[in-house]
Each structure stands twice: as C-alpha cells, then as structure tokens.
Amino acid sequence: MNLVLILGDQLDLSNSALDGFDRDRDVIWMAEVASEATVVWNHKARITIFLSAMRHFRDELRKRGYTVDYYEKEASFSSALAKAVKKHKPAKLIVAEPGEHRVVEELRQSAVALEVREDRHFMSSVADFRAHAEGRKQLRMEYFYREMRRRYKILMEKDKPVGGEWNYDAENRGGFAKTGPGLLPGPVEFAPDKLTQAVIAFVEKEYPGHPGSLDAFDWPVTAAQAKLALDDFIANRLPHFGTYQDAMWTGEPWLYHARISSSLNLKLLDPREACAAAEEAYVRGDAPLAAVEGFIRQILGWREYVRGVYWLHMPGYDEKNSMGAIEPLPGFYWTGDTSMECLRQAIGQTLKHGYAHHIQRLMVTGLFSLLLGVDPKRVHEWYLAVYVDAVEWVELPNTLGMSQFADGGIMASKPYVATGKYIQRMSNYCTHCKYDPAESVGETACPFTTLYWDYLMRHETKLTKVGRMDMQLRNLIRIEPAKRAQIQKQAEEIKESYR
C-alpha cells in the first residue's frame, strides 16, 4: 500500500498525490503538528485557519470514501509520520510538492521511498520557471507575466493584449479624497461552525500566549466558502479594486480587496478559477479592464513568479542580507503599541484579523523595518507568523526580497524606500498622527522621513549601483552637511530606542 501525504496547505481534491489512489488499499495521512505552530510565534488566527481547513478537508475526504489516518496534537512532523509508517508499513510515500524547503528535507529523511509529484495547483511548474530563468542575467516579473498571459490566453486578442497594453498599473494607484471611501461593500463573512469553534477553543487553550485575537475570526475554511468569497469579490469589489488597490484608510482593513489569498494558498481555491471569473466580469462589462488586469496580474503574474523565485534560490535564500541589516525587530510589531499612526493601524488590524493588504505590508510595516535596518530574517519570521495567508514559498521572497531588498535585487529592481509623504498621499493615517511627514528632524519629525534619509546616507555607495535610485540620490546630495548630521543623530536615537 501507499501512504499519501496531504499537507496543511494542500487541501485540494485535485491534489496530484491522489492520482491513482487505491481506495481498497492506500491510506491518506494528515497531521496537526505543534512544532508548525511554534517554529515562528504564530498568530492564533493563522493556527486556526490551518487546523480548521485541515479538519474540514479530512471530513470531506472521508465522505468521498477515502481512508484518512489523521493525527492531532503531534509534537513534530517527523514523529507523526514515523507513527504512520510503523502502523501501515507502506511501500512508498506519495506527496505533492511541499510549499517549504524545510518540509521537503524532513520528508527525505524517512526510510521509506518517497515520490514527490508536481503540484498542479500552480499554473507554472518549478521546471517551467527554471526554463524561463535560464540564460537571463536578471529576472523581472513583467516578462514572465506576459509569457503566462500568452500561454493561458488570458486577456488576449490573438497574440496581442486586450486593450493594447500589458499592464495598467499606472491606473491602479489612486487614493481616496479627504472625505474617505464612503460606504464600502464589506466582504462576505463566514461564522465559525461547530468544527471551527472547537478549533478556536483548542487554540485558545494550547497557545494562550500567542499573538493576535480570534474574536473576529471569519475566514473561509472550505472550498465552498472560498468560492463564495471569490464570487462576492467579483460582484461587489472588483470594479473598484484597480483604482484603490494601493489605498489605505483608518479603521478599514478590507476596502476593495479580495480576501481570497488564504484560500488560494491553502489550495481551497484554484487560481485558474479566480482568473477566469475576473476575465468574465470584464467581458460582461461588469468591471473595467484596469481593475481586471491588475487582479489577474497579482495571481497569474506575481504569485506564480514569487513561487518560481523561491524554488530557484532555495536553500540559502533565507540567509541573504545584502544591506547588512542587524537591528532587532521592534517589540511593537507584536502589540501595535506605537505612536506612529500608520503602524498602529496596520499592525492593529493584523493582530485582529491576521490580515493586511499588500501596500500596508510593503510600504508601512515592511518600509519601517527596512529603513530602520532590521535583520531581514527577523522580519521574515514576523510576516510568516502573523498573516493567515503566509506559506514560506510566497512569504519569504515577498518579505526578504521585495520588501527588505535583502536579496540584492533578485526580486526587485530597487529598494522600495520612501518618506512618510508616500503614506500621507495614500492614506489618512497622517491626519491622526503626532508626526509631520514633511519633517526629518525635531520632535514632530516623522520617523519614516528621518530614517529614509538616514538609509540613503548609510547605503549611498551601494545604491549608486542601482539604476532606479538616481533621482533619490540626487535629492540626497542637496542636503547640507549640518542637516545630514542632525538626521543621522536623530535616526540613531530612534534605533537605540528599539534595541
């Protein structure tokens, strides 16, 4: 018999590991492992969504006639698997490609033969991406994305992109007027059923000291719920998603975002289905091209590209630190207790929901840690811990590469650095804050602005070799030596306050 392994982020009935499953002989193995909840200090909502989705999927498999050997409260991945191997004595272990290099290595340590199958959930295989990368001096998502559009004939008219342009990102950077977003169509909510309520009680008991709250837990945990979440987004928020996808607003965690990333990353939702639903909305005239293209680019382009980068550069990618950052992660990242309103908002909603949208992650929490000079591995561990959609293949390149520029330019063509003026432009956070984003020194100077200039000064030599930093470095040259010294002194005081 074969022991078919279904991991916590592989909850898909189309899982390639199930191909050829002999229901009279083979057994599915699933396990809830304590070490997976503690390898980083996991948000309670992240633990809950994984365990609840796994238990729902286990029950669905059993309804369909599969034999499932399910382990709860196991100490480690390897110990749970060893128990199953001893019990079933399989000829072979079968698994779809895991989403984390560490798990692959653990599986290979088993004494039983291991068959790792391609994960068909993704639209680009690991081998596909390696072929795309071969011979290229520098990888860029845009060119990969165009290949994927052609390959899957998404938003295409013969060999040309619909509308004549590949990318409408320039139209997707709108902010709200001073009056704010107005009445927003809130996302569909999924009240915890009895099974999820039991998981919540278990997590509260077993992990009481972990960060975050479960009071507002309403994430989709089944394929049916994931489909409802997608349908709700397409009908009610996609038309405005493009314009406002980068915008932020006090007390509004969702705005026009899809809230389906956790469903995609748990494999409850197929990316092909999400892309098709968006394209159909455009064809019907229900959503503008810029919004639809922007949404599809996130899934068909960015998501697939990030996975390719992860497997192309692992192992070792998680150790990269091109800017030599060594500062500790400030304690307020775990509490939200800070006088900086933008960080208080972004971290506060993260602790409440296990969620923040991509600009809050890149240009608020990520930007501050980058400017402060936090050790990128500590930043990576925080992002992996606190977001319900975090799986290492997607989180690590986005954090260490895109956000922290620690990979030296593999993921991004430049560090995403800005003063507090960017946050002021894209949100109303600064209107409720004691700091002035226009000031770099003094009691009311915005720490983002102080640290921005300090970052450019610290890394000026390195950044001269990064082509897209020319304008920012020219602005740095205009700062007088005396003002530079003041900025550096104030920046050091900020850093010292978090050590």
Protein backbone atom coordinates (compact mmCIF):
# COMPACT_ATOMS: atom_id res chain seq x y z
CA MET A 1 0.00 0.00 0.00
CA ASN A 2 0.96 3.65 -0.43
CA LEU A 3 0.75 6.33 2.23
CA VAL A 4 -0.44 9.53 0.59
CA LEU A 5 0.59 12.65 2.47
CA ILE A 6 -1.71 15.67 2.43
CA LEU A 7 -0.03 18.69 3.98
CA GLY A 8 -1.84 21.58 5.62
CA ASP A 9 -1.59 23.85 2.57
CA GLN A 10 -2.61 21.18 0.03
CA LEU A 11 -6.35 20.95 0.65
CA ASP A 12 -7.37 20.30 -2.92
CA LEU A 13 -9.36 17.34 -4.21
CA SER A 14 -7.35 17.66 -7.45
CA ASN A 15 -4.12 17.12 -5.49
CA SER A 16 -1.76 15.12 -7.71
CA ALA A 17 -0.84 12.93 -4.74
CA LEU A 18 -4.34 11.42 -5.02
CA ASP A 19 -3.82 10.29 -8.63
CA GLY A 20 -4.18 6.51 -8.84
CA PHE A 21 -5.30 6.24 -5.20
CA ASP A 22 -6.45 2.67 -4.43
CA ARG A 23 -9.37 3.04 -2.02
CA ASP A 24 -9.14 -0.62 -1.03
CA ARG A 25 -5.51 -0.38 -0.03
CA ASP A 26 -4.00 3.10 0.18
CA VAL A 27 -4.27 5.50 3.13
CA ILE A 28 -4.15 9.29 3.37
CA TRP A 29 -2.00 10.74 6.16
CA MET A 30 -2.67 14.15 7.67
CA ALA A 31 -1.24 15.59 10.88
CA GLU A 32 -1.62 18.61 13.14
CA VAL A 33 1.88 19.30 14.37
CA ALA A 34 2.67 21.54 17.35
CA SER A 35 6.10 22.46 16.02
CA GLU A 36 4.48 24.01 12.93
CA ALA A 37 2.61 26.40 15.22
CA THR A 38 5.74 27.32 17.16
CA VAL A 39 8.56 27.33 14.58
CA VAL A 40 7.65 31.02 14.48
CA TRP A 41 5.39 32.70 17.06
CA ASN A 42 2.21 32.11 15.07
CA HIS A 43 -0.82 34.36 15.20
CA LYS A 44 -3.77 32.49 16.70
CA ALA A 45 -5.77 33.11 13.52
CA ARG A 46 -3.06 31.53 11.37
CA ILE A 47 -3.05 28.38 13.52
CA THR A 48 -6.85 28.31 13.49
CA ILE A 49 -7.35 28.69 9.74
CA PHE A 50 -4.88 25.88 9.00
CA LEU A 51 -6.33 23.45 11.57
CA SER A 52 -9.96 24.21 10.74
CA ALA A 53 -9.39 23.90 7.00
CA MET A 54 -7.49 20.63 7.52
CA ARG A 55 -10.25 19.11 9.64
CA HIS A 56 -12.94 20.17 7.18
CA PHE A 57 -10.92 18.68 4.33
CA ARG A 58 -10.38 15.44 6.30
CA ASP A 59 -14.15 15.10 6.74
CA GLU A 60 -14.74 15.80 3.04
CA LEU A 61 -12.24 13.11 2.06
CA ARG A 62 -13.91 10.57 4.33
CA LYS A 63 -17.32 11.40 2.86
CA ARG A 64 -15.87 10.61 -0.55
CA GLY A 65 -14.69 7.19 0.55
CA TYR A 66 -11.01 7.86 1.25
CA THR A 67 -9.33 6.26 4.26
CA VAL A 68 -7.72 9.06 6.26
CA ASP A 69 -5.33 8.46 9.15
CA TYR A 70 -5.48 11.83 10.93
CA TYR A 71 -3.14 12.80 13.78
CA GLU A 72 -3.88 15.57 16.28
CA LYS A 73 -1.55 17.22 18.81
CA GLU A 74 1.61 15.63 17.44
CA ALA A 75 4.90 17.06 18.67
CA SER A 76 6.68 17.11 15.32
CA PHE A 77 6.19 16.37 11.65
CA SER A 78 8.71 13.53 11.64
CA SER A 79 7.33 11.82 14.77
CA ALA A 80 3.77 11.86 13.40
CA LEU A 81 4.94 10.39 10.12
CA ALA A 82 7.05 7.75 11.87
CA LYS A 83 3.94 6.56 13.75
CA ALA A 84 2.02 6.18 10.50
CA VAL A 85 4.88 4.35 8.77
CA LYS A 86 5.14 1.91 11.66
CA LYS A 87 1.39 1.37 11.64
CA HIS A 88 0.81 0.95 7.89
CA LYS A 89 4.22 -0.25 6.64
CA PRO A 90 3.78 1.47 3.25
CA ALA A 91 5.82 0.59 0.21
CA LYS A 92 6.01 4.25 -0.71
CA LEU A 93 5.16 7.75 0.47
CA ILE A 94 3.47 9.98 -2.09
CA VAL A 95 3.19 13.76 -1.76
CA ALA A 96 2.65 16.80 -3.98
CA GLU A 97 5.49 19.32 -3.87
CA PRO A 98 5.50 20.94 -0.42
CA GLY A 99 5.45 24.72 -0.08
CA GLU A 100 8.50 24.87 2.14
CA HIS A 101 12.05 23.63 1.58
CA ARG A 102 12.38 22.54 5.22
CA VAL A 103 9.46 20.12 4.84
CA VAL A 104 10.99 18.57 1.73
CA GLU A 105 14.18 17.88 3.67
CA GLU A 106 12.26 16.32 6.57
CA LEU A 107 10.38 14.00 4.21
CA ARG A 108 13.59 12.87 2.56
CA GLN A 109 14.86 11.67 5.92
CA SER A 110 12.20 8.96 6.03
CA ALA A 111 13.44 5.41 5.47
CA VAL A 112 10.53 4.79 3.09
CA ALA A 113 10.74 5.51 -0.64
CA LEU A 114 9.38 8.98 -1.42
CA GLU A 115 7.60 10.08 -4.59
CA VAL A 116 7.21 13.85 -4.93
CA ARG A 117 4.70 14.83 -7.59
CA GLU A 118 4.26 18.15 -9.35
CA ASP A 119 1.77 20.46 -7.65
CA ARG A 120 -0.81 21.04 -10.40
CA HIS A 121 -2.48 23.82 -8.44
CA PHE A 122 0.10 26.22 -9.85
CA MET A 123 -0.06 27.45 -13.42
CA SER A 124 3.72 27.43 -13.81
CA SER A 125 5.69 24.42 -12.61
CA VAL A 126 9.07 24.68 -10.90
CA ALA A 127 10.62 23.28 -14.09
CA ASP A 128 8.74 25.84 -16.21
CA PHE A 129 10.16 28.68 -14.18
CA ARG A 130 13.69 27.31 -14.30
CA ALA A 131 13.39 27.21 -18.09
CA HIS A 132 12.16 30.82 -18.07
CA ALA A 133 15.09 31.89 -15.87
CA GLU A 134 17.79 30.04 -17.78
CA GLY A 135 20.20 32.36 -19.54
CA ARG A 136 18.68 35.56 -18.13
CA LYS A 137 21.02 37.94 -16.33
CA GLN A 138 18.13 39.44 -14.41
CA LEU A 139 14.61 38.21 -13.74
CA ARG A 140 11.64 40.55 -13.91
CA MET A 141 8.05 39.64 -13.20
CA GLU A 142 6.65 41.66 -16.11
CA TYR A 143 8.25 39.48 -18.78
CA PHE A 144 7.24 36.27 -17.01
CA TYR A 145 3.70 37.62 -16.70
CA ARG A 146 3.49 38.28 -20.43
CA GLU A 147 4.59 34.72 -21.14
CA MET A 148 1.84 33.44 -18.83
CA ARG A 149 -0.80 35.60 -20.47
CA ARG A 150 0.16 34.21 -23.87
CA ARG A 151 0.37 30.64 -22.60
CA TYR A 152 -3.08 30.66 -21.00
CA LYS A 153 -4.67 33.10 -23.48
CA ILE A 154 -5.94 35.32 -20.67
CA LEU A 155 -6.98 38.87 -21.63
CA MET A 156 -5.58 38.27 -25.11
CA GLU A 157 -6.79 39.04 -28.65
CA LYS A 158 -4.81 36.58 -30.75
CA ASP A 159 -1.20 37.42 -29.83
CA LYS A 160 -1.91 40.95 -28.51
CA PRO A 161 -3.08 42.01 -25.04
CA VAL A 162 -6.68 43.18 -24.76
CA GLY A 163 -6.72 46.98 -24.79
CA GLY A 164 -3.28 47.19 -26.35
CA GLU A 165 -1.30 47.32 -23.09
CA TRP A 166 0.09 44.51 -20.95
CA ASN A 167 -0.02 46.40 -17.71
CA TYR A 168 -2.35 49.08 -16.30
CA ASP A 169 -0.50 49.59 -13.04
CA ALA A 170 -0.33 53.36 -13.60
CA GLU A 171 -4.13 53.45 -13.30
CA ASN A 172 -4.11 51.40 -10.09
CA ARG A 173 -2.55 53.87 -7.65
CA GLY A 174 -5.49 56.02 -6.66
CA GLY A 175 -6.10 57.38 -3.19
CA PHE A 176 -9.35 58.47 -1.55
CA ALA A 177 -10.48 62.08 -1.26
CA LYS A 178 -10.38 63.74 2.16
CA THR A 179 -13.93 62.54 2.78
CA GLY A 180 -12.73 58.95 2.58
CA PRO A 181 -14.01 55.85 0.77
CA GLY A 182 -17.63 56.28 1.82
CA LEU A 183 -19.90 53.28 2.28
CA LEU A 184 -17.93 50.15 1.43
CA PRO A 185 -19.31 46.75 0.38
CA GLY A 186 -17.97 44.61 3.22
CA PRO A 187 -16.80 41.12 2.33
CA VAL A 188 -18.97 38.07 2.95
CA GLU A 189 -18.39 36.69 6.46
CA PHE A 190 -18.17 33.05 7.48
CA ALA A 191 -19.37 32.49 11.01
CA PRO A 192 -17.40 29.64 12.63
CA ASP A 193 -19.33 26.35 12.54
CA LYS A 194 -19.07 23.78 15.33
CA LEU A 195 -15.86 22.31 13.96
CA THR A 196 -14.19 25.72 13.68
CA GLN A 197 -15.48 26.69 17.14
CA ALA A 198 -13.80 23.57 18.52
CA VAL A 199 -10.54 24.57 16.81
CA ILE A 200 -10.80 28.08 18.27
CA ALA A 201 -11.27 26.64 21.75
CA PHE A 202 -8.30 24.31 21.20
CA VAL A 203 -6.03 27.15 20.04
CA GLU A 204 -7.02 29.40 22.92
CA LYS A 205 -6.19 26.59 25.34
CA GLU A 206 -2.98 25.31 23.73
CA TYR A 207 -1.49 28.62 22.56
CA PRO A 208 -2.76 31.27 25.01
CA GLY A 209 0.39 33.39 24.84
CA HIS A 210 0.49 33.62 21.06
CA PRO A 211 -0.20 36.98 19.40
CA GLY A 212 -3.48 38.05 17.91
CA SER A 213 -7.16 37.62 18.59
CA LEU A 214 -9.79 35.11 17.45
CA ASP A 215 -12.80 37.27 18.33
CA ALA A 216 -13.28 38.32 14.70
CA PHE A 217 -12.30 35.04 13.03
CA ASP A 218 -14.48 34.58 9.93
CA TRP A 219 -12.13 33.26 7.26
CA PRO A 220 -13.27 30.73 4.62
CA VAL A 221 -12.11 27.24 5.61
CA THR A 222 -13.73 25.08 2.91
CA ALA A 223 -13.70 25.07 -0.89
CA ALA A 224 -17.38 26.03 -0.94
CA GLN A 225 -16.74 29.05 1.26
CA ALA A 226 -13.71 30.04 -0.83
CA LYS A 227 -15.89 30.02 -3.95
CA LEU A 228 -18.44 32.26 -2.20
CA ALA A 229 -15.65 34.66 -1.20
CA LEU A 230 -14.48 34.84 -4.81
CA ASP A 231 -17.99 35.39 -6.17
CA ASP A 232 -18.60 38.12 -3.58
CA PHE A 233 -15.41 39.94 -4.57
CA ILE A 234 -16.11 39.73 -8.31
CA ALA A 235 -19.64 41.08 -7.86
CA ASN A 236 -19.07 43.77 -5.25
CA ARG A 237 -15.45 44.96 -5.10
CA LEU A 238 -13.56 44.08 -8.28
CA PRO A 239 -14.86 47.11 -10.24
CA HIS A 240 -13.08 49.47 -7.81
CA PHE A 241 -10.21 47.19 -6.85
CA GLY A 242 -7.90 48.51 -9.55
CA THR A 243 -8.19 52.19 -8.73
CA TYR A 244 -7.89 51.79 -4.97
CA GLN A 245 -5.75 48.69 -4.51
CA ASP A 246 -2.87 50.74 -3.06
CA ALA A 247 -5.01 53.00 -0.88
CA MET A 248 -5.28 52.81 2.92
CA TRP A 249 -7.80 54.26 5.35
CA THR A 250 -8.17 54.38 9.13
CA GLY A 251 -10.35 51.58 10.51
CA GLU A 252 -10.92 50.00 7.07
CA PRO A 253 -8.96 46.75 6.76
CA TRP A 254 -10.69 45.36 3.65
CA LEU A 255 -11.56 48.30 1.35
CA TYR A 256 -11.91 46.75 -2.15
CA HIS A 257 -9.56 43.80 -1.66
CA ALA A 258 -10.49 40.22 -2.48
CA ARG A 259 -9.66 38.47 0.80
CA ILE A 260 -9.01 35.20 -1.07
CA SER A 261 -5.23 34.86 -0.69
CA SER A 262 -5.55 32.44 2.23
CA SER A 263 -7.96 30.30 0.20
CA LEU A 264 -5.55 30.24 -2.74
CA ASN A 265 -2.58 29.37 -0.55
CA LEU A 266 -4.42 26.59 1.30
CA LYS A 267 -5.47 25.31 -2.16
CA LEU A 268 -9.17 25.69 -1.37
CA LEU A 269 -9.45 27.85 -4.49
CA ASP A 270 -7.93 27.25 -7.92
CA PRO A 271 -6.08 30.27 -9.41
CA ARG A 272 -7.50 29.41 -12.86
CA GLU A 273 -11.00 29.83 -11.47
CA ALA A 274 -10.12 33.22 -9.97
CA CYS A 275 -8.56 34.49 -13.22
CA ALA A 276 -11.47 33.19 -15.31
CA ALA A 277 -14.06 34.82 -13.04
CA ALA A 278 -12.32 38.19 -13.32
CA GLU A 279 -11.94 37.95 -17.10
CA GLU A 280 -15.61 37.01 -17.46
CA ALA A 281 -16.56 40.10 -15.44
CA TYR A 282 -14.64 42.24 -17.94
CA VAL A 283 -16.26 40.52 -20.93
CA ARG A 284 -19.72 41.10 -19.40
CA GLY A 285 -18.88 44.77 -18.85
CA ASP A 286 -19.14 44.44 -15.07
CA ALA A 287 -15.57 45.55 -14.30
CA PRO A 288 -13.09 47.83 -16.10
CA LEU A 289 -10.00 46.44 -17.82
CA ALA A 290 -7.53 48.13 -15.45
CA ALA A 291 -9.13 46.50 -12.41
CA VAL A 292 -9.36 43.08 -14.01
CA GLU A 293 -5.82 43.18 -15.38
CA GLY A 294 -4.47 44.33 -12.02
CA PHE A 295 -6.20 41.49 -10.19
CA ILE A 296 -5.11 38.85 -12.73
CA ARG A 297 -1.53 40.18 -12.60
CA GLN A 298 -1.46 39.51 -8.85
CA ILE A 299 -2.39 35.85 -9.38
CA LEU A 300 -1.15 34.80 -12.81
CA GLY A 301 1.91 37.02 -12.66
CA TRP A 302 3.13 37.86 -9.19
CA ARG A 303 2.01 34.78 -7.27
CA GLU A 304 3.45 32.33 -9.79
CA TYR A 305 6.62 34.40 -10.19
CA VAL A 306 7.27 34.51 -6.44
CA ARG A 307 7.00 30.74 -6.18
CA GLY A 308 9.44 30.34 -9.04
CA VAL A 309 11.97 32.62 -7.35
CA TYR A 310 11.63 30.72 -4.07
CA TRP A 311 12.44 27.31 -5.54
CA LEU A 312 15.09 28.71 -7.88
CA HIS A 313 17.07 30.13 -4.94
CA MET A 314 16.40 27.74 -2.07
CA PRO A 315 18.14 26.60 0.02
CA GLY A 316 20.08 29.65 1.18
CA TYR A 317 17.72 32.40 0.07
CA ASP A 318 16.51 32.93 3.64
CA GLU A 319 20.06 33.77 4.75
CA LYS A 320 20.54 36.66 2.32
CA ASN A 321 21.23 40.09 3.81
CA SER A 322 22.68 42.27 1.07
CA MET A 323 22.31 45.51 3.04
CA GLY A 324 23.93 44.15 6.21
CA ALA A 325 20.88 44.91 8.38
CA ILE A 326 21.31 43.84 12.02
CA GLU A 327 18.80 45.79 14.16
CA PRO A 328 16.23 43.87 16.24
CA LEU A 329 12.55 43.88 15.30
CA PRO A 330 10.79 46.48 17.49
CA GLY A 331 8.57 44.97 20.14
CA PHE A 332 5.55 46.97 18.98
CA TYR A 333 5.29 44.70 15.93
CA TRP A 334 3.73 42.16 18.31
CA THR A 335 1.46 44.62 20.14
CA GLY A 336 0.67 47.57 17.87
CA ASP A 337 1.61 49.86 20.76
CA THR A 338 3.30 52.72 18.91
CA SER A 339 2.75 56.45 18.48
CA MET A 340 3.10 56.16 14.69
CA GLU A 341 -0.49 56.01 13.47
CA CYS A 342 0.19 54.16 10.21
CA LEU A 343 1.99 51.35 12.03
CA ARG A 344 -0.61 51.29 14.78
CA GLN A 345 -3.34 50.86 12.17
CA ALA A 346 -1.57 48.25 10.05
CA ILE A 347 -0.36 46.17 12.99
CA GLY A 348 -3.62 46.60 14.89
CA GLN A 349 -5.68 45.11 12.07
CA THR A 350 -3.04 42.40 11.60
CA LEU A 351 -3.40 41.34 15.22
CA LYS A 352 -7.20 41.48 14.98
CA HIS A 353 -7.67 39.70 11.65
CA GLY A 354 -4.32 38.14 10.65
CA TYR A 355 -4.54 40.35 7.57
CA ALA A 356 -3.15 43.50 5.97
CA HIS A 357 -3.19 44.27 2.27
CA HIS A 358 -0.07 44.40 0.11
CA ILE A 359 0.67 48.14 0.47
CA GLN A 360 0.27 48.02 4.24
CA ARG A 361 2.78 45.16 4.24
CA LEU A 362 5.21 46.66 1.72
CA MET A 363 5.01 50.39 2.43
CA VAL A 364 4.14 50.55 6.14
CA THR A 365 5.34 47.59 8.22
CA GLY A 366 7.92 46.50 5.66
CA LEU A 367 9.14 50.00 4.88
CA PHE A 368 9.73 50.87 8.52
CA SER A 369 11.76 47.72 9.21
CA LEU A 370 13.77 48.30 6.02
CA LEU A 371 14.58 51.91 6.90
CA LEU A 372 15.36 51.01 10.50
CA GLY A 373 17.78 48.32 9.32
CA VAL A 374 16.12 45.30 10.95
CA ASP A 375 17.73 41.91 10.39
CA PRO A 376 15.70 40.61 7.38
CA LYS A 377 15.41 37.12 8.85
CA ARG A 378 13.58 38.57 11.86
CA VAL A 379 11.26 40.47 9.52
CA HIS A 380 10.63 37.28 7.53
CA GLU A 381 9.78 35.36 10.71
CA TRP A 382 7.27 38.04 11.73
CA TYR A 383 5.48 38.02 8.38
CA LEU A 384 5.37 34.23 8.36
CA ALA A 385 3.90 34.26 11.86
CA VAL A 386 1.19 36.89 11.70
CA TYR A 387 -0.66 36.51 8.38
CA VAL A 388 -3.27 33.84 7.70
CA ASP A 389 -2.16 33.55 4.06
CA ALA A 390 1.54 33.06 4.88
CA VAL A 391 3.24 29.98 3.44
CA GLU A 392 7.00 30.22 3.09
CA TRP A 393 7.16 29.91 -0.72
CA VAL A 394 5.11 33.09 -1.10
CA GLU A 395 6.04 34.97 2.06
CA LEU A 396 9.83 34.69 2.00
CA PRO A 397 10.57 36.25 -1.43
CA ASN A 398 7.94 38.93 -0.88
CA THR A 399 9.40 39.87 2.50
CA LEU A 400 13.13 39.29 2.26
CA GLY A 401 13.37 40.23 -1.42
CA MET A 402 10.64 42.68 -2.37
CA SER A 403 10.15 44.39 0.99
CA GLN A 404 13.63 44.30 2.55
CA PHE A 405 15.82 44.22 -0.60
CA ALA A 406 17.97 41.70 1.26
CA ASP A 407 18.47 39.57 -1.86
CA GLY A 408 20.32 42.39 -3.59
CA GLY A 409 17.87 42.78 -6.44
CA ILE A 410 16.67 39.29 -7.34
CA MET A 411 13.05 40.15 -6.64
CA ALA A 412 13.01 43.94 -7.04
CA SER A 413 14.92 46.32 -9.27
CA LYS A 414 15.42 48.74 -6.35
CA PRO A 415 14.66 49.06 -2.64
CA TYR A 416 11.11 50.28 -2.06
CA VAL A 417 12.03 53.24 0.13
CA ALA A 418 10.06 56.43 0.68
CA THR A 419 9.49 59.15 3.25
CA GLY A 420 6.32 59.48 5.27
CA LYS A 421 4.94 61.59 2.43
CA TYR A 422 4.09 58.42 0.50
CA ILE A 423 1.92 57.18 3.36
CA GLN A 424 0.32 60.62 3.62
CA ARG A 425 -0.53 60.52 -0.09
CA MET A 426 -2.05 57.03 0.02
CA SER A 427 -3.97 57.23 3.31
CA ASN A 428 -5.45 59.45 6.00
CA TYR A 429 -3.18 57.99 8.68
CA CYS A 430 -1.04 61.12 8.96
CA THR A 431 -4.04 63.33 9.84
CA HIS A 432 -4.38 61.39 13.10
CA CYS A 433 -0.65 61.25 13.86
CA LYS A 434 1.60 63.45 16.02
CA TYR A 435 4.37 63.32 13.42
CA ASP A 436 4.80 65.50 10.33
CA PRO A 437 5.89 63.52 7.24
CA ALA A 438 7.46 66.67 5.78
CA GLU A 439 9.93 66.96 8.67
CA SER A 440 13.10 64.89 9.10
CA VAL A 441 14.45 66.41 12.35
CA GLY A 442 12.85 67.72 15.50
CA GLU A 443 10.23 66.49 17.97
CA THR A 444 7.45 66.19 15.39
CA ALA A 445 9.61 64.76 12.58
CA CYS A 446 8.15 61.61 11.06
CA PRO A 447 10.40 58.63 11.88
CA PHE A 448 9.83 57.29 8.36
CA THR A 449 11.21 60.52 6.88
CA THR A 450 14.18 60.67 9.27
CA LEU A 451 15.07 57.05 8.65
CA TYR A 452 14.58 57.39 4.88
CA TRP A 453 17.35 59.98 4.57
CA ASP A 454 19.50 58.05 7.03
CA TYR A 455 19.02 54.90 4.92
CA LEU A 456 20.18 56.69 1.77
CA MET A 457 23.21 58.06 3.59
CA ARG A 458 24.14 54.69 5.10
CA HIS A 459 23.90 52.88 1.77
CA GLU A 460 24.80 55.65 -0.68
CA THR A 461 27.75 53.76 -2.16
CA LYS A 462 25.76 50.58 -2.74
CA LEU A 463 22.74 52.43 -4.09
CA THR A 464 24.73 54.28 -6.75
CA LYS A 465 24.96 50.89 -8.49
CA VAL A 466 21.16 50.55 -8.51
CA GLY A 467 19.99 52.40 -11.61
CA ARG A 468 16.49 53.33 -10.48
CA MET A 469 17.79 55.14 -7.38
CA ASP A 470 19.37 58.04 -9.32
CA MET A 471 16.67 60.61 -8.58
CA GLN A 472 16.54 59.82 -4.86
CA LEU A 473 20.31 60.04 -4.57
CA ARG A 474 20.32 63.39 -6.40
CA ASN A 475 17.89 64.68 -3.78
CA LEU A 476 20.22 63.41 -1.06
CA ILE A 477 23.14 65.40 -2.49
CA ARG A 478 21.18 68.61 -1.93
CA ILE A 479 21.13 68.11 1.84
CA GLU A 480 23.74 70.24 3.61
CA PRO A 481 26.36 68.51 5.82
CA ALA A 482 24.96 70.06 9.01
CA LYS A 483 21.44 68.80 8.24
CA ARG A 484 22.85 65.37 7.41
CA ALA A 485 24.48 65.21 10.82
CA GLN A 486 21.20 66.15 12.50
CA ILE A 487 19.31 63.47 10.60
CA GLN A 488 21.87 60.81 11.41
CA LYS A 489 21.83 61.75 15.10
CA GLN A 490 18.03 61.58 15.28
CA ALA A 491 17.99 58.31 13.34
CA GLU A 492 20.46 56.78 15.77
CA GLU A 493 18.25 57.85 18.68
CA ILE A 494 15.27 56.12 17.01
CA LYS A 495 17.27 52.92 16.51
CA GLU A 496 18.58 52.98 20.04
CA SER A 497 15.03 53.22 21.42
CA TYR A 498 14.23 49.78 19.91
CA ARG A 499 17.41 47.93 20.88
